[in-house]
Amino acid sequence: MKIIRRISIQLAATLMLVILLCVVVFHLLVIVGAIPYSIVWGGRLESASQMYLFETVSITINLTVIAIVGMKVGYLKAFIPERAIIVLLWVLTILFALNTLGNIFSKTTLETFLFTPLTFISSVLCYRLAIER
């Protein structure tokens, strides 16, 4: 775990924000049809209406995580207590780790080979942010 502490808090936040912004753009491209929805959500979406719902939820969650990271490092004024931010970062660490496992077993190669490393890195970065006092 010492190696993770070598990642500066600013670097962890910046990388996390870049990843999240790229993911938001990716999901927007799915919504507008530039990327087929058959390759997201493990290849399990069955209709366009289902895709719109899942993609909207995903974008909302990613924007929320951007806000949490921004508050942690002071890019945004915190509107929730620091303790809550830390708890949320721990929850995100666990969720990204579980999502990594889900991506490993995805039906689509894009999720397996692109998003597995991204969710793993996101888990490590959230962990780094969570342990910073």
N, C-alpha and C. Protein backbone atom coordinates (compact mmCIF):
# COMPACT_ATOMS: atom_id res chain seq x y z
N MET A 1 0.81 -1.20 0.00
CA MET A 1 0.00 0.00 0.00
C MET A 1 0.85 1.26 0.00
N LYS A 2 2.13 1.13 0.32
CA LYS A 2 3.00 2.30 0.29
C LYS A 2 3.10 2.88 -1.11
N ILE A 3 3.06 2.02 -2.10
CA ILE A 3 3.17 2.50 -3.48
C ILE A 3 2.00 3.40 -3.85
N ILE A 4 0.83 3.11 -3.33
CA ILE A 4 -0.35 3.93 -3.63
C ILE A 4 -0.21 5.30 -3.00
N ARG A 5 0.38 5.37 -1.82
CA ARG A 5 0.60 6.67 -1.16
C ARG A 5 1.58 7.54 -1.93
N ARG A 6 2.37 6.93 -2.80
CA ARG A 6 3.31 7.71 -3.61
C ARG A 6 2.60 8.51 -4.70
N ILE A 7 1.37 8.13 -5.00
CA ILE A 7 0.56 8.90 -5.94
C ILE A 7 0.08 10.15 -5.20
N SER A 8 0.40 11.32 -5.71
CA SER A 8 -0.04 12.54 -5.03
C SER A 8 -1.56 12.65 -5.10
N ILE A 9 -2.11 13.33 -4.13
CA ILE A 9 -3.56 13.52 -4.08
C ILE A 9 -4.04 14.29 -5.32
N GLN A 10 -3.25 15.27 -5.76
CA GLN A 10 -3.61 16.06 -6.94
C GLN A 10 -3.59 15.20 -8.19
N LEU A 11 -2.58 14.34 -8.32
CA LEU A 11 -2.51 13.45 -9.48
C LEU A 11 -3.68 12.47 -9.47
N ALA A 12 -3.97 11.90 -8.30
CA ALA A 12 -5.09 10.96 -8.20
C ALA A 12 -6.40 11.64 -8.60
N ALA A 13 -6.61 12.86 -8.11
CA ALA A 13 -7.84 13.58 -8.44
C ALA A 13 -7.90 13.92 -9.92
N THR A 14 -6.79 14.41 -10.46
CA THR A 14 -6.76 14.78 -11.87
C THR A 14 -7.02 13.57 -12.77
N LEU A 15 -6.34 12.46 -12.50
CA LEU A 15 -6.56 11.25 -13.30
C LEU A 15 -8.00 10.77 -13.18
N MET A 16 -8.53 10.81 -11.97
CA MET A 16 -9.90 10.37 -11.76
C MET A 16 -10.87 11.25 -12.54
N LEU A 17 -10.66 12.56 -12.50
CA LEU A 17 -11.54 13.47 -13.22
C LEU A 17 -11.44 13.29 -14.73
N VAL A 18 -10.25 13.07 -15.23
CA VAL A 18 -10.08 12.82 -16.67
C VAL A 18 -10.81 11.54 -17.07
N ILE A 19 -10.63 10.49 -16.30
CA ILE A 19 -11.31 9.22 -16.59
C ILE A 19 -12.82 9.42 -16.59
N LEU A 20 -13.33 10.09 -15.56
CA LEU A 20 -14.78 10.28 -15.44
C LEU A 20 -15.34 11.14 -16.57
N LEU A 21 -14.62 12.18 -16.94
CA LEU A 21 -15.08 13.02 -18.04
C LEU A 21 -15.09 12.24 -19.36
N CYS A 22 -14.08 11.42 -19.56
CA CYS A 22 -14.05 10.57 -20.77
C CYS A 22 -15.21 9.58 -20.77
N VAL A 23 -15.53 9.04 -19.62
CA VAL A 23 -16.65 8.10 -19.51
C VAL A 23 -17.97 8.81 -19.81
N VAL A 24 -18.13 10.03 -19.30
CA VAL A 24 -19.35 10.80 -19.59
C VAL A 24 -19.48 11.02 -21.09
N VAL A 25 -18.39 11.42 -21.74
CA VAL A 25 -18.41 11.63 -23.20
C VAL A 25 -18.76 10.32 -23.90
N PHE A 26 -18.18 9.22 -23.46
CA PHE A 26 -18.48 7.91 -24.04
C PHE A 26 -19.98 7.62 -23.96
N HIS A 27 -20.57 7.84 -22.77
CA HIS A 27 -22.00 7.56 -22.61
C HIS A 27 -22.86 8.51 -23.43
N LEU A 28 -22.42 9.75 -23.59
CA LEU A 28 -23.15 10.67 -24.46
C LEU A 28 -23.11 10.19 -25.91
N LEU A 29 -21.96 9.65 -26.32
CA LEU A 29 -21.85 9.10 -27.68
C LEU A 29 -22.76 7.88 -27.88
N VAL A 30 -22.95 7.10 -26.81
CA VAL A 30 -23.89 5.98 -26.88
C VAL A 30 -25.31 6.53 -27.06
N ILE A 31 -25.67 7.54 -26.29
CA ILE A 31 -27.02 8.11 -26.36
C ILE A 31 -27.33 8.66 -27.75
N VAL A 32 -26.35 9.33 -28.38
CA VAL A 32 -26.62 9.92 -29.70
C VAL A 32 -26.46 8.90 -30.83
N GLY A 33 -26.06 7.68 -30.50
CA GLY A 33 -25.99 6.63 -31.49
C GLY A 33 -24.65 6.49 -32.19
N ALA A 34 -23.66 7.28 -31.80
CA ALA A 34 -22.34 7.17 -32.43
C ALA A 34 -21.64 5.88 -32.02
N ILE A 35 -22.01 5.36 -30.87
CA ILE A 35 -21.51 4.07 -30.38
C ILE A 35 -22.73 3.19 -30.15
N PRO A 36 -22.75 1.98 -30.69
CA PRO A 36 -23.93 1.12 -30.52
C PRO A 36 -24.12 0.69 -29.06
N TYR A 37 -25.36 0.74 -28.61
CA TYR A 37 -25.62 0.39 -27.22
C TYR A 37 -25.46 -1.10 -26.95
N SER A 38 -25.31 -1.88 -27.98
CA SER A 38 -25.13 -3.32 -27.79
C SER A 38 -23.78 -3.66 -27.16
N ILE A 39 -22.86 -2.70 -27.14
CA ILE A 39 -21.53 -2.99 -26.59
C ILE A 39 -21.36 -2.46 -25.16
N VAL A 40 -22.41 -1.88 -24.58
CA VAL A 40 -22.31 -1.39 -23.20
C VAL A 40 -23.20 -2.21 -22.28
N TRP A 41 -23.02 -2.01 -21.00
CA TRP A 41 -23.79 -2.71 -19.98
C TRP A 41 -23.72 -4.23 -20.17
N GLY A 42 -22.53 -4.69 -20.47
CA GLY A 42 -22.29 -6.12 -20.60
C GLY A 42 -22.99 -6.75 -21.78
N GLY A 43 -23.46 -5.92 -22.73
CA GLY A 43 -24.17 -6.45 -23.89
C GLY A 43 -25.56 -6.93 -23.55
N ARG A 44 -26.10 -6.47 -22.41
CA ARG A 44 -27.38 -6.99 -21.93
C ARG A 44 -28.58 -6.07 -22.17
N LEU A 45 -28.36 -4.89 -22.77
CA LEU A 45 -29.49 -3.99 -23.04
C LEU A 45 -30.33 -4.54 -24.18
N GLU A 46 -31.65 -4.46 -24.00
CA GLU A 46 -32.55 -5.07 -24.97
C GLU A 46 -33.30 -4.08 -25.84
N SER A 47 -33.27 -2.78 -25.50
CA SER A 47 -34.02 -1.81 -26.29
C SER A 47 -33.39 -0.43 -26.13
N ALA A 48 -33.76 0.46 -27.05
CA ALA A 48 -33.27 1.83 -26.99
C ALA A 48 -33.79 2.54 -25.74
N SER A 49 -35.04 2.28 -25.36
CA SER A 49 -35.57 2.94 -24.16
C SER A 49 -34.83 2.48 -22.91
N GLN A 50 -34.47 1.23 -22.86
CA GLN A 50 -33.66 0.72 -21.75
C GLN A 50 -32.29 1.39 -21.75
N MET A 51 -31.72 1.56 -22.94
CA MET A 51 -30.42 2.22 -23.07
C MET A 51 -30.49 3.65 -22.56
N TYR A 52 -31.53 4.40 -22.95
CA TYR A 52 -31.64 5.79 -22.50
C TYR A 52 -31.69 5.87 -20.98
N LEU A 53 -32.44 4.98 -20.37
CA LEU A 53 -32.53 4.97 -18.91
C LEU A 53 -31.18 4.67 -18.28
N PHE A 54 -30.54 3.60 -18.70
CA PHE A 54 -29.26 3.19 -18.12
C PHE A 54 -28.17 4.23 -18.36
N GLU A 55 -28.14 4.79 -19.57
CA GLU A 55 -27.12 5.79 -19.88
C GLU A 55 -27.33 7.07 -19.09
N THR A 56 -28.58 7.47 -18.91
CA THR A 56 -28.87 8.67 -18.11
C THR A 56 -28.45 8.46 -16.67
N VAL A 57 -28.76 7.30 -16.12
CA VAL A 57 -28.34 6.98 -14.75
C VAL A 57 -26.82 6.98 -14.66
N SER A 58 -26.15 6.39 -15.63
CA SER A 58 -24.70 6.33 -15.62
C SER A 58 -24.07 7.72 -15.67
N ILE A 59 -24.58 8.58 -16.53
CA ILE A 59 -24.06 9.94 -16.63
C ILE A 59 -24.28 10.69 -15.32
N THR A 60 -25.45 10.53 -14.74
CA THR A 60 -25.75 11.19 -13.46
C THR A 60 -24.80 10.72 -12.37
N ILE A 61 -24.57 9.43 -12.30
CA ILE A 61 -23.64 8.88 -11.30
C ILE A 61 -22.23 9.41 -11.53
N ASN A 62 -21.79 9.41 -12.78
CA ASN A 62 -20.44 9.90 -13.08
C ASN A 62 -20.29 11.38 -12.73
N LEU A 63 -21.30 12.19 -13.00
CA LEU A 63 -21.25 13.61 -12.64
C LEU A 63 -21.23 13.78 -11.12
N THR A 64 -21.94 12.92 -10.41
CA THR A 64 -21.92 12.95 -8.95
C THR A 64 -20.53 12.60 -8.42
N VAL A 65 -19.90 11.60 -9.01
CA VAL A 65 -18.55 11.21 -8.60
C VAL A 65 -17.57 12.34 -8.90
N ILE A 66 -17.74 13.00 -10.03
CA ILE A 66 -16.90 14.16 -10.36
C ILE A 66 -17.03 15.22 -9.25
N ALA A 67 -18.25 15.47 -8.81
CA ALA A 67 -18.47 16.44 -7.74
C ALA A 67 -17.79 16.00 -6.45
N ILE A 68 -17.91 14.73 -6.11
CA ILE A 68 -17.29 14.21 -4.88
C ILE A 68 -15.77 14.38 -4.93
N VAL A 69 -15.17 14.00 -6.05
CA VAL A 69 -13.71 14.14 -6.19
C VAL A 69 -13.34 15.63 -6.15
N GLY A 70 -14.09 16.45 -6.84
CA GLY A 70 -13.83 17.89 -6.84
C GLY A 70 -13.91 18.50 -5.45
N MET A 71 -14.87 18.05 -4.64
CA MET A 71 -14.98 18.54 -3.26
C MET A 71 -13.82 18.05 -2.41
N LYS A 72 -13.41 16.82 -2.62
CA LYS A 72 -12.31 16.25 -1.83
C LYS A 72 -11.04 17.08 -1.95
N VAL A 73 -10.73 17.51 -3.16
CA VAL A 73 -9.48 18.23 -3.39
C VAL A 73 -9.66 19.74 -3.45
N GLY A 74 -10.87 20.22 -3.24
CA GLY A 74 -11.09 21.66 -3.17
C GLY A 74 -11.36 22.35 -4.49
N TYR A 75 -11.59 21.60 -5.55
CA TYR A 75 -11.95 22.21 -6.83
C TYR A 75 -13.37 22.76 -6.77
N LEU A 76 -14.20 22.13 -5.96
CA LEU A 76 -15.58 22.58 -5.73
C LEU A 76 -15.75 22.84 -4.24
N LYS A 77 -16.60 23.80 -3.93
CA LYS A 77 -16.90 24.06 -2.53
C LYS A 77 -17.71 22.88 -2.00
N ALA A 78 -17.26 22.32 -0.89
CA ALA A 78 -17.94 21.15 -0.33
C ALA A 78 -19.30 21.55 0.22
N PHE A 79 -20.33 20.85 -0.23
CA PHE A 79 -21.67 21.07 0.29
C PHE A 79 -22.15 19.89 1.12
N ILE A 80 -21.24 18.93 1.34
CA ILE A 80 -21.49 17.84 2.28
C ILE A 80 -20.27 17.75 3.19
N PRO A 81 -20.44 17.19 4.39
CA PRO A 81 -19.31 17.12 5.33
C PRO A 81 -18.15 16.27 4.79
N GLU A 82 -16.94 16.62 5.19
CA GLU A 82 -15.72 15.90 4.77
C GLU A 82 -15.84 14.42 5.09
N ARG A 83 -16.41 14.09 6.24
CA ARG A 83 -16.56 12.68 6.63
C ARG A 83 -17.43 11.92 5.62
N ALA A 84 -18.48 12.57 5.16
CA ALA A 84 -19.36 11.95 4.16
C ALA A 84 -18.61 11.74 2.84
N ILE A 85 -17.77 12.69 2.48
CA ILE A 85 -16.98 12.57 1.25
C ILE A 85 -16.06 11.36 1.35
N ILE A 86 -15.42 11.20 2.51
CA ILE A 86 -14.52 10.06 2.71
C ILE A 86 -15.29 8.74 2.64
N VAL A 87 -16.44 8.68 3.28
CA VAL A 87 -17.26 7.47 3.24
C VAL A 87 -17.66 7.16 1.79
N LEU A 88 -18.08 8.18 1.06
CA LEU A 88 -18.46 7.98 -0.34
C LEU A 88 -17.28 7.50 -1.18
N LEU A 89 -16.09 8.01 -0.91
CA LEU A 89 -14.91 7.55 -1.65
C LEU A 89 -14.61 6.08 -1.33
N TRP A 90 -14.82 5.66 -0.09
CA TRP A 90 -14.64 4.24 0.25
C TRP A 90 -15.68 3.38 -0.47
N VAL A 91 -16.91 3.86 -0.51
CA VAL A 91 -17.97 3.14 -1.23
C VAL A 91 -17.61 3.03 -2.71
N LEU A 92 -17.12 4.13 -3.28
CA LEU A 92 -16.72 4.12 -4.69
C LEU A 92 -15.55 3.17 -4.93
N THR A 93 -14.61 3.12 -3.99
CA THR A 93 -13.49 2.18 -4.11
C THR A 93 -14.01 0.76 -4.25
N ILE A 94 -14.96 0.41 -3.40
CA ILE A 94 -15.52 -0.94 -3.42
C ILE A 94 -16.34 -1.17 -4.69
N LEU A 95 -17.16 -0.18 -5.07
CA LEU A 95 -17.99 -0.33 -6.27
C LEU A 95 -17.15 -0.46 -7.53
N PHE A 96 -16.08 0.34 -7.64
CA PHE A 96 -15.21 0.22 -8.82
C PHE A 96 -14.51 -1.14 -8.83
N ALA A 97 -14.14 -1.64 -7.66
CA ALA A 97 -13.50 -2.96 -7.59
C ALA A 97 -14.49 -4.04 -8.04
N LEU A 98 -15.74 -3.95 -7.57
CA LEU A 98 -16.75 -4.92 -7.99
C LEU A 98 -17.07 -4.78 -9.48
N ASN A 99 -17.10 -3.55 -9.97
CA ASN A 99 -17.34 -3.32 -11.39
C ASN A 99 -16.22 -3.91 -12.23
N THR A 100 -15.00 -3.87 -11.71
CA THR A 100 -13.87 -4.48 -12.40
C THR A 100 -14.14 -5.97 -12.61
N LEU A 101 -14.61 -6.63 -11.56
CA LEU A 101 -14.95 -8.05 -11.68
C LEU A 101 -16.07 -8.27 -12.69
N GLY A 102 -17.07 -7.40 -12.67
CA GLY A 102 -18.17 -7.51 -13.63
C GLY A 102 -17.69 -7.34 -15.06
N ASN A 103 -16.78 -6.40 -15.26
CA ASN A 103 -16.25 -6.16 -16.61
C ASN A 103 -15.44 -7.35 -17.12
N ILE A 104 -14.76 -8.04 -16.22
CA ILE A 104 -13.99 -9.22 -16.61
C ILE A 104 -14.91 -10.27 -17.25
N PHE A 105 -16.14 -10.35 -16.74
CA PHE A 105 -17.09 -11.36 -17.22
C PHE A 105 -18.11 -10.80 -18.22
N SER A 106 -17.82 -9.63 -18.78
CA SER A 106 -18.73 -9.01 -19.75
C SER A 106 -18.82 -9.86 -21.02
N LYS A 107 -19.95 -9.73 -21.70
CA LYS A 107 -20.14 -10.41 -22.98
C LYS A 107 -19.44 -9.67 -24.12
N THR A 108 -19.00 -8.43 -23.87
CA THR A 108 -18.38 -7.64 -24.94
C THR A 108 -16.89 -7.47 -24.67
N THR A 109 -16.11 -7.58 -25.71
CA THR A 109 -14.66 -7.46 -25.55
C THR A 109 -14.25 -6.04 -25.19
N LEU A 110 -15.00 -5.03 -25.64
CA LEU A 110 -14.67 -3.65 -25.30
C LEU A 110 -14.68 -3.46 -23.80
N GLU A 111 -15.75 -3.92 -23.16
CA GLU A 111 -15.83 -3.78 -21.70
C GLU A 111 -14.73 -4.59 -21.02
N THR A 112 -14.47 -5.76 -21.51
CA THR A 112 -13.45 -6.59 -20.89
C THR A 112 -12.07 -5.96 -20.99
N PHE A 113 -11.70 -5.52 -22.17
CA PHE A 113 -10.33 -5.06 -22.39
C PHE A 113 -10.10 -3.57 -22.16
N LEU A 114 -11.14 -2.74 -22.29
CA LEU A 114 -10.98 -1.31 -22.06
C LEU A 114 -11.43 -0.91 -20.66
N PHE A 115 -12.63 -1.33 -20.29
CA PHE A 115 -13.19 -0.84 -19.04
C PHE A 115 -12.71 -1.60 -17.81
N THR A 116 -12.24 -2.82 -17.96
CA THR A 116 -11.67 -3.53 -16.81
C THR A 116 -10.48 -2.76 -16.24
N PRO A 117 -9.50 -2.38 -17.07
CA PRO A 117 -8.39 -1.60 -16.50
C PRO A 117 -8.83 -0.24 -15.97
N LEU A 118 -9.79 0.41 -16.65
CA LEU A 118 -10.25 1.72 -16.19
C LEU A 118 -10.94 1.64 -14.83
N THR A 119 -11.76 0.63 -14.63
CA THR A 119 -12.43 0.53 -13.34
C THR A 119 -11.45 0.11 -12.25
N PHE A 120 -10.46 -0.70 -12.60
CA PHE A 120 -9.43 -1.05 -11.62
C PHE A 120 -8.64 0.19 -11.21
N ILE A 121 -8.20 0.96 -12.20
CA ILE A 121 -7.46 2.20 -11.90
C ILE A 121 -8.34 3.16 -11.09
N SER A 122 -9.61 3.25 -11.45
CA SER A 122 -10.53 4.11 -10.70
C SER A 122 -10.66 3.67 -9.25
N SER A 123 -10.68 2.38 -9.03
CA SER A 123 -10.75 1.85 -7.67
C SER A 123 -9.51 2.26 -6.88
N VAL A 124 -8.35 2.12 -7.49
CA VAL A 124 -7.08 2.49 -6.83
C VAL A 124 -7.06 4.00 -6.55
N LEU A 125 -7.48 4.80 -7.52
CA LEU A 125 -7.48 6.25 -7.33
C LEU A 125 -8.47 6.70 -6.25
N CYS A 126 -9.63 6.08 -6.21
CA CYS A 126 -10.60 6.40 -5.15
C CYS A 126 -10.06 5.99 -3.79
N TYR A 127 -9.39 4.86 -3.75
CA TYR A 127 -8.73 4.43 -2.50
C TYR A 127 -7.72 5.48 -2.07
N ARG A 128 -6.91 5.95 -3.01
CA ARG A 128 -5.89 6.97 -2.69
C ARG A 128 -6.55 8.23 -2.15
N LEU A 129 -7.63 8.64 -2.76
CA LEU A 129 -8.35 9.83 -2.29
C LEU A 129 -9.00 9.59 -0.93
N ALA A 130 -9.49 8.39 -0.70
CA ALA A 130 -10.16 8.07 0.57
C ALA A 130 -9.21 8.06 1.75
N ILE A 131 -7.96 7.64 1.52
CA ILE A 131 -7.03 7.52 2.65
C ILE A 131 -6.33 8.84 2.98
N GLU A 132 -6.51 9.85 2.13
CA GLU A 132 -5.88 11.16 2.37
C GLU A 132 -6.66 11.90 3.46
N ARG A 133 -5.93 12.37 4.44
CA ARG A 133 -6.57 13.13 5.54
C ARG A 133 -6.54 14.60 5.25
